Each structure stands twice: as structure tokens, then as C-alpha cells.
Amino acid sequence: PDNLFVPFYSTKAQGAGIGLVISRELIRNQGGQLQLLDNPNGQGTQVSIALPI
């Protein structure tokens, strides 16, 4: 969904909506990338994190 990286957006009653936002910023600050992809089998999500070595 388009809202995954929107700060403070959550579909959960107890959710703060900042987990992915913080994760992406930490990874970007290290020169990396965080991507969320549809799982090829149609169930769930794949997370790809790439960091420079």
C-alpha cells in the first residue's frame, strides 16, 4: 500500500506508524536502500535491504 512509509499512519489500534519510517531513514543514512515487494507466491511481503560495503 501507498501508506507504508507515511509517518504515524497505522492500521493497528496500538500501532505508532513509525517503524518502517525509522528503519528506512537509518538505512538511507548509511547509503543503503529498503524496499518492500509483493511476495511472488501472492502471500505477504518481501523486504529487501541493501547496504554498501
Protein backbone atom coordinates (compact mmCIF):
# COMPACT_ATOMS: atom_id res chain seq x y z
CA PRO A 1 0.00 0.00 0.00
CA ASP A 2 0.98 3.60 -0.57
CA ASN A 3 0.87 4.46 3.14
CA LEU A 4 3.63 2.14 4.37
CA PHE A 5 6.19 4.92 4.67
CA VAL A 6 3.80 7.67 5.84
CA PRO A 7 4.81 8.73 9.37
CA PHE A 8 2.23 7.92 12.07
CA TYR A 9 -0.06 6.02 9.68
CA SER A 10 -1.14 2.69 11.13
CA THR A 11 -4.00 0.26 10.63
CA LYS A 12 -3.44 -1.15 14.13
CA ALA A 13 -5.09 0.30 17.23
CA GLN A 14 -1.83 0.07 19.18
CA GLY A 15 0.44 0.96 16.26
CA ALA A 16 2.52 4.12 16.23
CA GLY A 17 3.18 4.02 12.49
CA ILE A 18 6.85 4.92 12.70
CA GLY A 19 8.68 1.58 12.46
CA LEU A 20 9.22 1.46 8.70
CA VAL A 21 9.82 5.21 8.53
CA ILE A 22 12.64 4.98 11.09
CA SER A 23 14.06 1.83 9.50
CA ARG A 24 14.18 3.39 6.05
CA GLU A 25 15.85 6.57 7.34
CA LEU A 26 18.51 4.62 9.26
CA ILE A 27 19.28 2.54 6.17
CA ARG A 28 19.34 5.61 3.89
CA ASN A 29 21.69 7.40 6.30
CA GLN A 30 24.14 4.53 5.76
CA GLY A 31 23.86 4.86 1.97
CA GLY A 32 21.51 1.90 1.61
CA GLN A 33 18.03 1.11 0.36
CA LEU A 34 14.97 -0.52 1.90
CA GLN A 35 12.37 -1.91 -0.49
CA LEU A 36 9.06 -3.66 0.10
CA LEU A 37 7.95 -6.03 -2.64
CA ASP A 38 4.94 -8.24 -3.21
CA ASN A 39 5.79 -11.84 -2.44
CA PRO A 40 5.82 -13.82 -5.71
CA ASN A 41 3.51 -16.50 -4.27
CA GLY A 42 0.89 -13.84 -3.58
CA GLN A 43 1.06 -14.08 0.21
CA GLY A 44 2.80 -11.50 2.34
CA THR A 45 5.62 -9.11 1.60
CA GLN A 46 9.32 -9.40 0.85
CA VAL A 47 11.70 -6.91 2.42
CA SER A 48 14.95 -6.09 0.64
CA ILE A 49 17.71 -4.20 2.45
CA ALA A 50 20.85 -3.23 0.54
CA LEU A 51 23.83 -1.63 2.28
CA PRO A 52 27.14 -0.61 0.72
CA ILE A 53 30.21 -2.49 1.82
